[in-house]
N, C-alpha and C. Protein backbone atom coordinates (compact mmCIF):
# COMPACT_ATOMS: atom_id res chain seq x y z
N MET A 1 141.10 21.26 93.24
CA MET A 1 141.03 20.10 92.37
C MET A 1 142.38 19.42 92.29
N SER A 2 142.35 18.12 92.11
CA SER A 2 143.60 17.37 91.99
C SER A 2 144.13 17.47 90.57
N THR A 3 145.38 17.11 90.41
CA THR A 3 146.02 17.14 89.09
C THR A 3 145.33 16.20 88.12
N SER A 4 144.94 15.01 88.57
CA SER A 4 144.28 14.05 87.68
C SER A 4 142.94 14.59 87.20
N THR A 5 142.22 15.30 88.04
CA THR A 5 140.95 15.90 87.64
C THR A 5 141.20 17.00 86.61
N ASN A 6 142.22 17.80 86.82
CA ASN A 6 142.56 18.85 85.85
C ASN A 6 142.96 18.24 84.52
N THR A 7 143.72 17.17 84.55
CA THR A 7 144.13 16.49 83.31
C THR A 7 142.93 15.93 82.60
N SER A 8 142.05 15.29 83.33
CA SER A 8 140.85 14.72 82.75
C SER A 8 139.99 15.80 82.10
N THR A 9 139.82 16.91 82.78
CA THR A 9 139.04 18.02 82.24
C THR A 9 139.70 18.58 80.99
N ALA A 10 141.03 18.71 81.00
CA ALA A 10 141.74 19.23 79.84
C ALA A 10 141.57 18.30 78.64
N VAL A 11 141.64 17.00 78.86
CA VAL A 11 141.46 16.03 77.78
C VAL A 11 140.04 16.13 77.24
N LEU A 12 139.06 16.11 78.12
CA LEU A 12 137.67 16.20 77.68
C LEU A 12 137.40 17.48 76.90
N ASP A 13 137.96 18.58 77.37
CA ASP A 13 137.75 19.86 76.70
C ASP A 13 138.39 19.91 75.31
N SER A 14 139.43 19.10 75.10
CA SER A 14 140.14 19.13 73.82
C SER A 14 139.55 18.20 72.77
N LEU A 15 138.67 17.28 73.17
CA LEU A 15 138.13 16.30 72.24
C LEU A 15 137.25 16.96 71.18
N LEU A 16 137.33 16.42 69.96
CA LEU A 16 136.56 16.93 68.83
C LEU A 16 135.35 16.05 68.56
N SER A 17 134.22 16.67 68.30
CA SER A 17 133.02 15.91 67.93
C SER A 17 133.14 15.48 66.46
N SER A 18 132.30 14.55 66.07
CA SER A 18 132.27 14.10 64.68
C SER A 18 131.90 15.26 63.75
N ALA A 19 130.97 16.10 64.17
CA ALA A 19 130.55 17.23 63.34
C ALA A 19 131.71 18.20 63.11
N THR A 20 132.44 18.51 64.18
CA THR A 20 133.57 19.42 64.07
C THR A 20 134.67 18.83 63.20
N LEU A 21 134.99 17.56 63.44
CA LEU A 21 136.06 16.93 62.67
C LEU A 21 135.68 16.80 61.20
N ALA A 22 134.44 16.45 60.92
CA ALA A 22 133.99 16.33 59.53
C ALA A 22 134.19 17.66 58.80
N LYS A 23 133.84 18.76 59.43
CA LYS A 23 134.04 20.07 58.81
C LYS A 23 135.51 20.34 58.56
N ARG A 24 136.35 20.02 59.53
CA ARG A 24 137.79 20.27 59.39
C ARG A 24 138.43 19.42 58.31
N LEU A 25 137.91 18.21 58.11
CA LEU A 25 138.47 17.30 57.10
C LEU A 25 137.77 17.42 55.75
N TYR A 26 136.82 18.33 55.65
CA TYR A 26 136.06 18.53 54.41
C TYR A 26 135.39 17.23 53.96
N THR A 27 134.77 16.55 54.92
CA THR A 27 134.05 15.32 54.63
C THR A 27 132.74 15.34 55.40
N THR A 28 132.06 14.23 55.43
CA THR A 28 130.77 14.16 56.11
C THR A 28 130.88 13.30 57.38
N GLU A 29 129.92 13.46 58.26
CA GLU A 29 129.88 12.62 59.45
C GLU A 29 129.64 11.16 59.05
N ARG A 30 128.93 10.95 57.99
CA ARG A 30 128.70 9.57 57.50
C ARG A 30 130.03 8.93 57.10
N ASN A 31 130.90 9.68 56.41
CA ASN A 31 132.21 9.13 56.06
C ASN A 31 133.00 8.78 57.31
N LEU A 32 132.98 9.67 58.30
CA LEU A 32 133.67 9.38 59.56
C LEU A 32 133.14 8.09 60.18
N SER A 33 131.83 7.91 60.15
CA SER A 33 131.22 6.71 60.68
C SER A 33 131.71 5.47 59.94
N GLU A 34 131.75 5.53 58.61
CA GLU A 34 132.23 4.41 57.81
C GLU A 34 133.71 4.14 58.11
N TRP A 35 134.50 5.20 58.27
CA TRP A 35 135.92 5.03 58.59
C TRP A 35 136.09 4.37 59.96
N ARG A 36 135.23 4.72 60.93
CA ARG A 36 135.29 4.08 62.25
C ARG A 36 134.98 2.59 62.13
N ILE A 37 133.96 2.26 61.35
CA ILE A 37 133.54 0.87 61.19
C ILE A 37 134.64 0.05 60.53
N THR A 38 135.30 0.61 59.53
CA THR A 38 136.32 -0.13 58.78
C THR A 38 137.72 0.02 59.36
N GLY A 39 137.89 0.92 60.34
CA GLY A 39 139.20 1.13 60.94
C GLY A 39 140.14 1.97 60.09
N ARG A 40 139.61 2.69 59.09
CA ARG A 40 140.45 3.49 58.19
C ARG A 40 140.67 4.90 58.67
N GLY A 41 139.88 5.38 59.61
CA GLY A 41 139.97 6.77 60.04
C GLY A 41 140.83 6.93 61.27
N PRO A 42 140.81 8.14 61.83
CA PRO A 42 141.59 8.40 63.05
C PRO A 42 141.03 7.62 64.23
N LYS A 43 141.89 7.32 65.18
CA LYS A 43 141.45 6.66 66.41
C LYS A 43 140.45 7.57 67.12
N PHE A 44 139.55 6.96 67.86
CA PHE A 44 138.51 7.73 68.54
C PHE A 44 138.28 7.18 69.94
N ILE A 45 137.60 7.97 70.74
CA ILE A 45 137.21 7.60 72.10
C ILE A 45 135.70 7.67 72.14
N ARG A 46 135.07 6.62 72.61
CA ARG A 46 133.61 6.65 72.73
C ARG A 46 133.26 7.00 74.17
N VAL A 47 132.50 8.07 74.32
CA VAL A 47 131.99 8.50 75.62
C VAL A 47 130.49 8.29 75.56
N GLY A 48 130.04 7.25 76.23
CA GLY A 48 128.64 6.86 76.08
C GLY A 48 128.45 6.32 74.67
N ARG A 49 127.58 6.94 73.92
CA ARG A 49 127.35 6.54 72.53
C ARG A 49 128.03 7.49 71.54
N THR A 50 128.72 8.49 72.06
CA THR A 50 129.28 9.54 71.23
C THR A 50 130.77 9.31 70.95
N PRO A 51 131.13 9.18 69.67
CA PRO A 51 132.55 9.08 69.34
C PRO A 51 133.19 10.47 69.35
N LEU A 52 134.34 10.58 70.00
CA LEU A 52 135.07 11.83 70.08
C LEU A 52 136.52 11.56 69.67
N TYR A 53 137.19 12.60 69.20
CA TYR A 53 138.53 12.44 68.64
C TYR A 53 139.53 13.34 69.36
N ARG A 54 140.68 12.76 69.72
CA ARG A 54 141.78 13.56 70.27
C ARG A 54 142.49 14.25 69.11
N PRO A 55 142.76 15.54 69.22
CA PRO A 55 143.46 16.24 68.14
C PRO A 55 144.78 15.57 67.78
N GLU A 56 145.49 15.02 68.76
CA GLU A 56 146.77 14.36 68.50
C GLU A 56 146.58 13.11 67.64
N ALA A 57 145.50 12.36 67.89
CA ALA A 57 145.21 11.17 67.10
C ALA A 57 144.85 11.54 65.67
N VAL A 58 144.12 12.64 65.52
CA VAL A 58 143.76 13.12 64.18
C VAL A 58 145.03 13.54 63.43
N ASP A 59 145.92 14.27 64.11
CA ASP A 59 147.18 14.70 63.48
C ASP A 59 148.00 13.49 63.04
N GLU A 60 148.09 12.48 63.91
CA GLU A 60 148.85 11.26 63.59
C GLU A 60 148.26 10.58 62.36
N TRP A 61 146.94 10.46 62.33
CA TRP A 61 146.27 9.83 61.20
C TRP A 61 146.49 10.64 59.92
N LEU A 62 146.37 11.96 60.01
CA LEU A 62 146.57 12.80 58.83
C LEU A 62 147.97 12.60 58.26
N LEU A 63 148.97 12.59 59.11
CA LEU A 63 150.34 12.42 58.65
C LEU A 63 150.55 11.03 58.03
N SER A 64 149.80 10.05 58.49
CA SER A 64 149.92 8.71 57.90
C SER A 64 149.31 8.65 56.50
N GLN A 65 148.54 9.66 56.13
CA GLN A 65 147.90 9.72 54.82
C GLN A 65 148.78 10.38 53.76
N GLU A 66 149.95 10.81 54.15
CA GLU A 66 150.85 11.54 53.25
C GLU A 66 151.50 10.58 52.24
N HIS A 67 151.49 10.98 50.98
CA HIS A 67 152.07 10.17 49.90
C HIS A 67 152.89 11.06 48.97
N ALA A 68 153.90 10.48 48.36
CA ALA A 68 154.73 11.21 47.39
C ALA A 68 154.11 11.16 45.99
N SER A 69 153.31 10.12 45.73
CA SER A 69 152.65 10.01 44.43
C SER A 69 151.36 9.22 44.58
N THR A 70 150.51 9.32 43.58
CA THR A 70 149.23 8.59 43.64
C THR A 70 149.44 7.09 43.57
N SER A 71 150.56 6.65 43.00
CA SER A 71 150.80 5.20 42.91
C SER A 71 151.08 4.59 44.29
N GLU A 72 151.43 5.40 45.28
CA GLU A 72 151.68 4.92 46.64
C GLU A 72 150.40 4.69 47.42
N GLU A 73 149.33 5.32 47.00
CA GLU A 73 148.08 5.23 47.74
C GLU A 73 147.52 3.82 47.74
N VAL A 74 147.05 3.38 48.89
CA VAL A 74 146.39 2.09 49.01
C VAL A 74 144.90 2.33 48.94
N ARG A 75 144.23 1.63 48.10
CA ARG A 75 142.78 1.82 47.96
C ARG A 75 142.03 0.58 48.32
């Protein structure tokens, strides 16, 4: 196999499904769907009709949610 094929396989194998990510974030798949629609959630990759998430994109999004106080939160 070529290096690009190995990289592609590694990326595909690392992607998280909505069900898996919802469990990890203690939320629902419906919330993830709403976040995708409004652009408030982590970046995603659509493969066919299935949204999948790179762990690195989820980490980046999580860190962007960090606040020192509740008054900093944007609602």
